[in-house]
Amino acid sequence: MSNESRLEILQWLKEPEQYFTPHEGIDMREIGVCVSQVTEKLNMTQSTASQYLSILHRAGLIKTERLGKFTYYKRDEEVIREIGEYLKQEI
């Protein structure tokens, strides 16, 4: 994780209800958060937040779910757990 903001996003997504303003009718822990919520939290452009989320998604650290016009992002806990186990064994 070479970027502090991307690391923060992953940390915030662990307990999204503590860090993000909820979208009506969306369970952030189950569905995730959308880019506008991340943009607001990081106080940066939507383009930059989208790029960070895309990098995390391509790395396999977060999952996406499309609902209507929004894409929601949440941690892929299984992958994160596997990475943690790998690091414990190899380092």
PDB file of N, CA and C in Angstrom:
ATOM      1  N   MET A   1       0.854  -1.173   0.000  1.00  0.00           N
ATOM      2  CA  MET A   1       0.000   0.000   0.000  1.00  0.00           C
ATOM      3  C   MET A   1       0.898   1.234   0.000  1.00  0.00           C
ATOM      4  N   SER A   2       1.157   1.726  -1.175  1.00  0.00           N
ATOM      5  CA  SER A   2       2.069   2.855  -1.316  1.00  0.00           C
ATOM      6  C   SER A   2       1.371   4.203  -1.222  1.00  0.00           C
ATOM      7  N   ASN A   3       0.088   4.221  -0.958  1.00  0.00           N
ATOM      8  CA  ASN A   3      -0.653   5.476  -0.914  1.00  0.00           C
ATOM      9  C   ASN A   3      -1.497   5.524   0.359  1.00  0.00           C
ATOM     10  N   GLU A   4      -1.271   6.550   1.156  1.00  0.00           N
ATOM     11  CA  GLU A   4      -1.963   6.667   2.442  1.00  0.00           C
ATOM     12  C   GLU A   4      -3.482   6.729   2.283  1.00  0.00           C
ATOM     13  N   SER A   5      -3.961   7.425   1.265  1.00  0.00           N
ATOM     14  CA  SER A   5      -5.410   7.542   1.063  1.00  0.00           C
ATOM     15  C   SER A   5      -6.042   6.194   0.742  1.00  0.00           C
ATOM     16  N   ARG A   6      -5.379   5.380  -0.059  1.00  0.00           N
ATOM     17  CA  ARG A   6      -5.923   4.052  -0.370  1.00  0.00           C
ATOM     18  C   ARG A   6      -5.947   3.173   0.881  1.00  0.00           C
ATOM     19  N   LEU A   7      -4.925   3.278   1.697  1.00  0.00           N
ATOM     20  CA  LEU A   7      -4.906   2.533   2.955  1.00  0.00           C
ATOM     21  C   LEU A   7      -6.035   2.996   3.868  1.00  0.00           C
ATOM     22  N   GLU A   8      -6.265   4.302   3.927  1.00  0.00           N
ATOM     23  CA  GLU A   8      -7.371   4.833   4.730  1.00  0.00           C
ATOM     24  C   GLU A   8      -8.714   4.298   4.236  1.00  0.00           C
ATOM     25  N   ILE A   9      -8.901   4.268   2.927  1.00  0.00           N
ATOM     26  CA  ILE A   9     -10.155   3.748   2.367  1.00  0.00           C
ATOM     27  C   ILE A   9     -10.381   2.319   2.855  1.00  0.00           C
ATOM     28  N   LEU A  10      -9.351   1.484   2.764  1.00  0.00           N
ATOM     29  CA  LEU A  10      -9.486   0.096   3.226  1.00  0.00           C
ATOM     30  C   LEU A  10      -9.819   0.035   4.710  1.00  0.00           C
ATOM     31  N   GLN A  11      -9.187   0.879   5.496  1.00  0.00           N
ATOM     32  CA  GLN A  11      -9.468   0.903   6.936  1.00  0.00           C
ATOM     33  C   GLN A  11     -10.903   1.360   7.188  1.00  0.00           C
ATOM     34  N   TRP A  12     -11.343   2.398   6.507  1.00  0.00           N
ATOM     35  CA  TRP A  12     -12.699   2.921   6.694  1.00  0.00           C
ATOM     36  C   TRP A  12     -13.753   1.913   6.266  1.00  0.00           C
ATOM     37  N   LEU A  13     -13.465   1.173   5.200  1.00  0.00           N
ATOM     38  CA  LEU A  13     -14.438   0.192   4.711  1.00  0.00           C
ATOM     39  C   LEU A  13     -14.616  -0.979   5.674  1.00  0.00           C
ATOM     40  N   LYS A  14     -13.692  -1.145   6.604  1.00  0.00           N
ATOM     41  CA  LYS A  14     -13.843  -2.207   7.608  1.00  0.00           C
ATOM     42  C   LYS A  14     -15.048  -1.928   8.499  1.00  0.00           C
ATOM     43  N   GLU A  15     -15.278  -0.653   8.822  1.00  0.00           N
ATOM     44  CA  GLU A  15     -16.426  -0.238   9.631  1.00  0.00           C
ATOM     45  C   GLU A  15     -17.041   1.015   9.001  1.00  0.00           C
ATOM     46  N   PRO A  16     -17.679   0.861   7.844  1.00  0.00           N
ATOM     47  CA  PRO A  16     -18.134   2.023   7.075  1.00  0.00           C
ATOM     48  C   PRO A  16     -19.133   2.910   7.802  1.00  0.00           C
ATOM     49  N   GLU A  17     -19.958   2.329   8.670  1.00  0.00           N
ATOM     50  CA  GLU A  17     -20.963   3.134   9.370  1.00  0.00           C
ATOM     51  C   GLU A  17     -20.325   4.153  10.313  1.00  0.00           C
ATOM     52  N   GLN A  18     -19.074   3.943  10.694  1.00  0.00           N
ATOM     53  CA  GLN A  18     -18.373   4.895  11.564  1.00  0.00           C
ATOM     54  C   GLN A  18     -17.766   6.057  10.785  1.00  0.00           C
ATOM     55  N   TYR A  19     -17.530   5.869   9.488  1.00  0.00           N
ATOM     56  CA  TYR A  19     -16.753   6.843   8.731  1.00  0.00           C
ATOM     57  C   TYR A  19     -17.499   7.541   7.601  1.00  0.00           C
ATOM     58  N   PHE A  20     -18.592   6.960   7.124  1.00  0.00           N
ATOM     59  CA  PHE A  20     -19.271   7.507   5.956  1.00  0.00           C
ATOM     60  C   PHE A  20     -20.703   7.902   6.280  1.00  0.00           C
ATOM     61  N   THR A  21     -21.171   8.941   5.590  1.00  0.00           N
ATOM     62  CA  THR A  21     -22.573   9.336   5.669  1.00  0.00           C
ATOM     63  C   THR A  21     -23.384   8.296   4.900  1.00  0.00           C
ATOM     64  N   PRO A  22     -24.407   7.709   5.515  1.00  0.00           N
ATOM     65  CA  PRO A  22     -25.141   6.630   4.834  1.00  0.00           C
ATOM     66  C   PRO A  22     -25.994   7.120   3.670  1.00  0.00           C
ATOM     67  N   HIS A  23     -26.186   6.243   2.692  1.00  0.00           N
ATOM     68  CA  HIS A  23     -27.171   6.437   1.631  1.00  0.00           C
ATOM     69  C   HIS A  23     -28.460   5.811   2.123  1.00  0.00           C
ATOM     70  N   GLU A  24     -29.558   6.470   1.891  1.00  0.00           N
ATOM     71  CA  GLU A  24     -30.849   5.977   2.367  1.00  0.00           C
ATOM     72  C   GLU A  24     -31.141   4.581   1.827  1.00  0.00           C
ATOM     73  N   GLY A  25     -31.477   3.677   2.737  1.00  0.00           N
ATOM     74  CA  GLY A  25     -31.861   2.328   2.351  1.00  0.00           C
ATOM     75  C   GLY A  25     -30.706   1.398   2.028  1.00  0.00           C
ATOM     76  N   ILE A  26     -29.462   1.835   2.232  1.00  0.00           N
ATOM     77  CA  ILE A  26     -28.301   1.011   1.905  1.00  0.00           C
ATOM     78  C   ILE A  26     -27.593   0.596   3.191  1.00  0.00           C
ATOM     79  N   ASP A  27     -27.425  -0.702   3.374  1.00  0.00           N
ATOM     80  CA  ASP A  27     -26.641  -1.231   4.481  1.00  0.00           C
ATOM     81  C   ASP A  27     -25.177  -1.206   4.039  1.00  0.00           C
ATOM     82  N   MET A  28     -24.427  -0.244   4.549  1.00  0.00           N
ATOM     83  CA  MET A  28     -23.052  -0.056   4.090  1.00  0.00           C
ATOM     84  C   MET A  28     -22.166  -1.260   4.383  1.00  0.00           C
ATOM     85  N   ARG A  29     -22.427  -1.962   5.452  1.00  0.00           N
ATOM     86  CA  ARG A  29     -21.601  -3.129   5.770  1.00  0.00           C
ATOM     87  C   ARG A  29     -21.878  -4.265   4.779  1.00  0.00           C
ATOM     88  N   GLU A  30     -23.126  -4.390   4.352  1.00  0.00           N
ATOM     89  CA  GLU A  30     -23.518  -5.459   3.431  1.00  0.00           C
ATOM     90  C   GLU A  30     -23.273  -5.081   1.969  1.00  0.00           C
ATOM     91  N   ILE A  31     -23.642  -3.871   1.582  1.00  0.00           N
ATOM     92  CA  ILE A  31     -23.580  -3.438   0.182  1.00  0.00           C
ATOM     93  C   ILE A  31     -22.300  -2.663  -0.120  1.00  0.00           C
ATOM     94  N   GLY A  32     -21.913  -1.771   0.779  1.00  0.00           N
ATOM     95  CA  GLY A  32     -20.711  -0.971   0.582  1.00  0.00           C
ATOM     96  C   GLY A  32     -21.020   0.512   0.530  1.00  0.00           C
ATOM     97  N   VAL A  33     -20.051   1.278   0.067  1.00  0.00           N
ATOM     98  CA  VAL A  33     -20.194   2.729  -0.060  1.00  0.00           C
ATOM     99  C   VAL A  33     -19.944   3.114  -1.513  1.00  0.00           C
ATOM    100  N   CYS A  34     -20.492   4.245  -1.925  1.00  0.00           N
ATOM    101  CA  CYS A  34     -20.296   4.687  -3.310  1.00  0.00           C
ATOM    102  C   CYS A  34     -19.177   5.729  -3.367  1.00  0.00           C
ATOM    103  N   VAL A  35     -18.751   6.023  -4.569  1.00  0.00           N
ATOM    104  CA  VAL A  35     -17.614   6.918  -4.766  1.00  0.00           C
ATOM    105  C   VAL A  35     -17.878   8.306  -4.189  1.00  0.00           C
ATOM    106  N   SER A  36     -19.117   8.772  -4.217  1.00  0.00           N
ATOM    107  CA  SER A  36     -19.402  10.105  -3.669  1.00  0.00           C
ATOM    108  C   SER A  36     -19.155  10.147  -2.164  1.00  0.00           C
ATOM    109  N   GLN A  37     -19.404   9.046  -1.473  1.00  0.00           N
ATOM    110  CA  GLN A  37     -19.134   8.990  -0.036  1.00  0.00           C
ATOM    111  C   GLN A  37     -17.628   9.029   0.230  1.00  0.00           C
ATOM    112  N   VAL A  38     -16.860   8.331  -0.589  1.00  0.00           N
ATOM    113  CA  VAL A  38     -15.402   8.329  -0.454  1.00  0.00           C
ATOM    114  C   VAL A  38     -14.848   9.707  -0.798  1.00  0.00           C
ATOM    115  N   THR A  39     -15.383  10.310  -1.858  1.00  0.00           N
ATOM    116  CA  THR A  39     -14.960  11.650  -2.272  1.00  0.00           C
ATOM    117  C   THR A  39     -15.158  12.648  -1.142  1.00  0.00           C
ATOM    118  N   GLU A  40     -16.319  12.590  -0.523  1.00  0.00           N
ATOM    119  CA  GLU A  40     -16.635  13.501   0.582  1.00  0.00           C
ATOM    120  C   GLU A  40     -15.684  13.283   1.760  1.00  0.00           C
ATOM    121  N   LYS A  41     -15.435  12.038   2.099  1.00  0.00           N
ATOM    122  CA  LYS A  41     -14.585  11.716   3.248  1.00  0.00           C
ATOM    123  C   LYS A  41     -13.136  12.135   3.013  1.00  0.00           C
ATOM    124  N   LEU A  42     -12.631  11.910   1.814  1.00  0.00           N
ATOM    125  CA  LEU A  42     -11.240  12.243   1.502  1.00  0.00           C
ATOM    126  C   LEU A  42     -11.051  13.705   1.112  1.00  0.00           C
ATOM    127  N   ASN A  43     -12.168  14.401   0.856  1.00  0.00           N
ATOM    128  CA  ASN A  43     -12.102  15.794   0.414  1.00  0.00           C
ATOM    129  C   ASN A  43     -11.212  15.933  -0.828  1.00  0.00           C
ATOM    130  N   MET A  44     -11.529  15.142  -1.837  1.00  0.00           N
ATOM    131  CA  MET A  44     -10.785  15.181  -3.095  1.00  0.00           C
ATOM    132  C   MET A  44     -11.766  15.051  -4.255  1.00  0.00           C
ATOM    133  N   THR A  45     -11.265  15.155  -5.457  1.00  0.00           N
ATOM    134  CA  THR A  45     -12.139  15.078  -6.623  1.00  0.00           C
ATOM    135  C   THR A  45     -12.679  13.658  -6.788  1.00  0.00           C
ATOM    136  N   GLN A  46     -13.832  13.568  -7.427  1.00  0.00           N
ATOM    137  CA  GLN A  46     -14.424  12.260  -7.687  1.00  0.00           C
ATOM    138  C   GLN A  46     -13.521  11.439  -8.593  1.00  0.00           C
ATOM    139  N   SER A  47     -12.853  12.096  -9.518  1.00  0.00           N
ATOM    140  CA  SER A  47     -11.948  11.409 -10.429  1.00  0.00           C
ATOM    141  C   SER A  47     -10.827  10.703  -9.666  1.00  0.00           C
ATOM    142  N   THR A  48     -10.234  11.391  -8.701  1.00  0.00           N
ATOM    143  CA  THR A  48      -9.149  10.804  -7.914  1.00  0.00           C
ATOM    144  C   THR A  48      -9.668   9.668  -7.045  1.00  0.00           C
ATOM    145  N   ALA A  49     -10.799   9.876  -6.386  1.00  0.00           N
ATOM    146  CA  ALA A  49     -11.382   8.825  -5.544  1.00  0.00           C
ATOM    147  C   ALA A  49     -11.718   7.596  -6.392  1.00  0.00           C
ATOM    148  N   SER A  50     -12.273   7.809  -7.577  1.00  0.00           N
ATOM    149  CA  SER A  50     -12.599   6.694  -8.481  1.00  0.00           C
ATOM    150  C   SER A  50     -11.343   5.930  -8.874  1.00  0.00           C
ATOM    151  N   GLN A  51     -10.278   6.665  -9.131  1.00  0.00           N
ATOM    152  CA  GLN A  51      -9.013   6.030  -9.498  1.00  0.00           C
ATOM    153  C   GLN A  51      -8.494   5.172  -8.340  1.00  0.00           C
ATOM    154  N   TYR A  52      -8.547   5.684  -7.123  1.00  0.00           N
ATOM    155  CA  TYR A  52      -8.099   4.923  -5.955  1.00  0.00           C
ATOM    156  C   TYR A  52      -8.936   3.658  -5.779  1.00  0.00           C
ATOM    157  N   LEU A  53     -10.245   3.778  -5.914  1.00  0.00           N
ATOM    158  CA  LEU A  53     -11.122   2.614  -5.778  1.00  0.00           C
ATOM    159  C   LEU A  53     -10.848   1.590  -6.879  1.00  0.00           C
ATOM    160  N   SER A  54     -10.579   2.070  -8.076  1.00  0.00           N
ATOM    161  CA  SER A  54     -10.269   1.179  -9.192  1.00  0.00           C
ATOM    162  C   SER A  54      -8.979   0.400  -8.926  1.00  0.00           C
ATOM    163  N   ILE A  55      -7.983   1.069  -8.386  1.00  0.00           N
ATOM    164  CA  ILE A  55      -6.712   0.409  -8.059  1.00  0.00           C
ATOM    165  C   ILE A  55      -6.938  -0.674  -7.005  1.00  0.00           C
ATOM    166  N   LEU A  56      -7.706  -0.349  -5.967  1.00  0.00           N
ATOM    167  CA  LEU A  56      -7.997  -1.330  -4.917  1.00  0.00           C
ATOM    168  C   LEU A  56      -8.799  -2.509  -5.468  1.00  0.00           C
ATOM    169  N   HIS A  57      -9.712  -2.224  -6.390  1.00  0.00           N
ATOM    170  CA  HIS A  57     -10.516  -3.287  -7.009  1.00  0.00           C
ATOM    171  C   HIS A  57      -9.642  -4.192  -7.874  1.00  0.00           C
ATOM    172  N   ARG A  58      -8.789  -3.602  -8.692  1.00  0.00           N
ATOM    173  CA  ARG A  58      -7.901  -4.398  -9.546  1.00  0.00           C
ATOM    174  C   ARG A  58      -6.939  -5.251  -8.716  1.00  0.00           C
ATOM    175  N   ALA A  59      -6.569  -4.752  -7.538  1.00  0.00           N
ATOM    176  CA  ALA A  59      -5.690  -5.509  -6.641  1.00  0.00           C
ATOM    177  C   ALA A  59      -6.441  -6.626  -5.927  1.00  0.00           C
ATOM    178  N   GLY A  60      -7.771  -6.651  -6.066  1.00  0.00           N
ATOM    179  CA  GLY A  60      -8.578  -7.692  -5.449  1.00  0.00           C
ATOM    180  C   GLY A  60      -8.931  -7.428  -3.996  1.00  0.00           C
ATOM    181  N   LEU A  61      -8.654  -6.220  -3.510  1.00  0.00           N
ATOM    182  CA  LEU A  61      -8.886  -5.903  -2.102  1.00  0.00           C
ATOM    183  C   LEU A  61     -10.312  -5.456  -1.808  1.00  0.00           C
ATOM    184  N   ILE A  62     -11.019  -4.987  -2.831  1.00  0.00           N
ATOM    185  CA  ILE A  62     -12.412  -4.582  -2.651  1.00  0.00           C
ATOM    186  C   ILE A  62     -13.268  -5.188  -3.759  1.00  0.00           C
ATOM    187  N   LYS A  63     -14.548  -5.336  -3.454  1.00  0.00           N
ATOM    188  CA  LYS A  63     -15.542  -5.839  -4.407  1.00  0.00           C
ATOM    189  C   LYS A  63     -16.453  -4.689  -4.807  1.00  0.00           C
ATOM    190  N   THR A  64     -17.107  -4.836  -5.947  1.00  0.00           N
ATOM    191  CA  THR A  64     -18.073  -3.832  -6.386  1.00  0.00           C
ATOM    192  C   THR A  64     -19.441  -4.473  -6.564  1.00  0.00           C
ATOM    193  N   GLU A  65     -20.459  -3.642  -6.384  1.00  0.00           N
ATOM    194  CA  GLU A  65     -21.839  -4.061  -6.645  1.00  0.00           C
ATOM    195  C   GLU A  65     -22.579  -2.873  -7.236  1.00  0.00           C
ATOM    196  N   ARG A  66     -23.192  -3.093  -8.380  1.00  0.00           N
ATOM    197  CA  ARG A  66     -23.938  -2.038  -9.066  1.00  0.00           C
ATOM    198  C   ARG A  66     -25.405  -2.106  -8.654  1.00  0.00           C
ATOM    199  N   LEU A  67     -25.943  -0.982  -8.153  1.00  0.00           N
ATOM    200  CA  LEU A  67     -27.362  -0.859  -7.815  1.00  0.00           C
ATOM    201  C   LEU A  67     -27.870   0.430  -8.440  1.00  0.00           C
ATOM    202  N   GLY A  68     -28.713   0.294  -9.448  1.00  0.00           N
ATOM    203  CA  GLY A  68     -29.205   1.478 -10.141  1.00  0.00           C
ATOM    204  C   GLY A  68     -28.058   2.222 -10.788  1.00  0.00           C
ATOM    205  N   LYS A  69     -27.970   3.515 -10.520  1.00  0.00           N
ATOM    206  CA  LYS A  69     -26.909   4.317 -11.136  1.00  0.00           C
ATOM    207  C   LYS A  69     -25.638   4.376 -10.292  1.00  0.00           C
ATOM    208  N   PHE A  70     -25.629   3.700  -9.146  1.00  0.00           N
ATOM    209  CA  PHE A  70     -24.474   3.747  -8.251  1.00  0.00           C
ATOM    210  C   PHE A  70     -23.718   2.422  -8.243  1.00  0.00           C
ATOM    211  N   THR A  71     -22.400   2.519  -8.124  1.00  0.00           N
ATOM    212  CA  THR A  71     -21.554   1.362  -7.864  1.00  0.00           C
ATOM    213  C   THR A  71     -21.087   1.472  -6.426  1.00  0.00           C
ATOM    214  N   TYR A  72     -21.254   0.395  -5.682  1.00  0.00           N
ATOM    215  CA  TYR A  72     -20.873   0.370  -4.269  1.00  0.00           C
ATOM    216  C   TYR A  72     -19.629  -0.493  -4.086  1.00  0.00           C
ATOM    217  N   TYR A  73     -18.799  -0.085  -3.149  1.00  0.00           N
ATOM    218  CA  TYR A  73     -17.519  -0.736  -2.901  1.00  0.00           C
ATOM    219  C   TYR A  73     -17.460  -1.222  -1.463  1.00  0.00           C
ATOM    220  N   LYS A  74     -16.950  -2.447  -1.285  1.00  0.00           N
ATOM    221  CA  LYS A  74     -16.727  -2.960   0.066  1.00  0.00           C
ATOM    222  C   LYS A  74     -15.490  -3.853   0.047  1.00  0.00           C
ATOM    223  N   ARG A  75     -14.939  -4.060   1.217  1.00  0.00           N
ATOM    224  CA  ARG A  75     -13.740  -4.879   1.337  1.00  0.00           C
ATOM    225  C   ARG A  75     -14.030  -6.329   0.958  1.00  0.00           C
ATOM    226  N   ASP A  76     -13.038  -6.978   0.373  1.00  0.00           N
ATOM    227  CA  ASP A  76     -13.114  -8.419   0.145  1.00  0.00           C
ATOM    228  C   ASP A  76     -12.377  -9.064   1.318  1.00  0.00           C
ATOM    229  N   GLU A  77     -13.122  -9.356   2.364  1.00  0.00           N
ATOM    230  CA  GLU A  77     -12.527  -9.834   3.617  1.00  0.00           C
ATOM    231  C   GLU A  77     -11.761 -11.139   3.436  1.00  0.00           C
ATOM    232  N   GLU A  78     -12.229 -12.004   2.557  1.00  0.00           N
ATOM    233  CA  GLU A  78     -11.533 -13.275   2.336  1.00  0.00           C
ATOM    234  C   GLU A  78     -10.141 -13.036   1.764  1.00  0.00           C
ATOM    235  N   VAL A  79     -10.029 -12.183   0.768  1.00  0.00           N
ATOM    236  CA  VAL A  79      -8.732 -11.880   0.160  1.00  0.00           C
ATOM    237  C   VAL A  79      -7.818 -11.203   1.178  1.00  0.00           C
ATOM    238  N   ILE A  80      -8.350 -10.257   1.934  1.00  0.00           N
ATOM    239  CA  ILE A  80      -7.542  -9.555   2.933  1.00  0.00           C
ATOM    240  C   ILE A  80      -7.042 -10.539   3.990  1.00  0.00           C
ATOM    241  N   ARG A  81      -7.888 -11.469   4.408  1.00  0.00           N
ATOM    242  CA  ARG A  81      -7.475 -12.493   5.377  1.00  0.00           C
ATOM    243  C   ARG A  81      -6.375 -13.376   4.794  1.00  0.00           C
ATOM    244  N   GLU A  82      -6.523 -13.784   3.534  1.00  0.00           N
ATOM    245  CA  GLU A  82      -5.516 -14.629   2.883  1.00  0.00           C
ATOM    246  C   GLU A  82      -4.180 -13.911   2.778  1.00  0.00           C
ATOM    247  N   ILE A  83      -4.208 -12.631   2.463  1.00  0.00           N
ATOM    248  CA  ILE A  83      -2.969 -11.853   2.383  1.00  0.00           C
ATOM    249  C   ILE A  83      -2.308 -11.792   3.757  1.00  0.00           C
ATOM    250  N   GLY A  84      -3.108 -11.559   4.792  1.00  0.00           N
ATOM    251  CA  GLY A  84      -2.578 -11.522   6.153  1.00  0.00           C
ATOM    252  C   GLY A  84      -1.923 -12.837   6.545  1.00  0.00           C
ATOM    253  N   GLU A  85      -2.567 -13.947   6.218  1.00  0.00           N
ATOM    254  CA  GLU A  85      -2.010 -15.265   6.521  1.00  0.00           C
ATOM    255  C   GLU A  85      -0.713 -15.496   5.756  1.00  0.00           C
ATOM    256  N   TYR A  86      -0.694 -15.107   4.494  1.00  0.00           N
ATOM    257  CA  TYR A  86       0.513 -15.253   3.680  1.00  0.00           C
ATOM    258  C   TYR A  86       1.663 -14.464   4.299  1.00  0.00           C
ATOM    259  N   LEU A  87       1.400 -13.218   4.679  1.00  0.00           N
ATOM    260  CA  LEU A  87       2.447 -12.380   5.260  1.00  0.00           C
ATOM    261  C   LEU A  87       2.965 -12.968   6.572  1.00  0.00           C
ATOM    262  N   LYS A  88       2.084 -13.521   7.384  1.00  0.00           N
ATOM    263  CA  LYS A  88       2.512 -14.148   8.647  1.00  0.00           C
ATOM    264  C   LYS A  88       3.459 -15.314   8.391  1.00  0.00           C
ATOM    265  N   GLN A  89       3.181 -16.075   7.345  1.00  0.00           N
ATOM    266  CA  GLN A  89       3.992 -17.256   7.045  1.00  0.00           C
ATOM    267  C   GLN A  89       5.314 -16.904   6.374  1.00  0.00           C
ATOM    268  N   GLU A  90       5.305 -15.896   5.541  1.00  0.00           N
ATOM    269  CA  GLU A  90       6.466 -15.610   4.701  1.00  0.00           C
ATOM    270  C   GLU A  90       7.396 -14.533   5.243  1.00  0.00           C
ATOM    271  N   ILE A  91       6.911 -13.719   6.156  1.00  0.00           N
ATOM    272  CA  ILE A  91       7.755 -12.607   6.640  1.00  0.00           C
ATOM    273  C   ILE A  91       8.089 -12.824   8.099  1.00  0.00           C
TER     274      ILE A  91
END
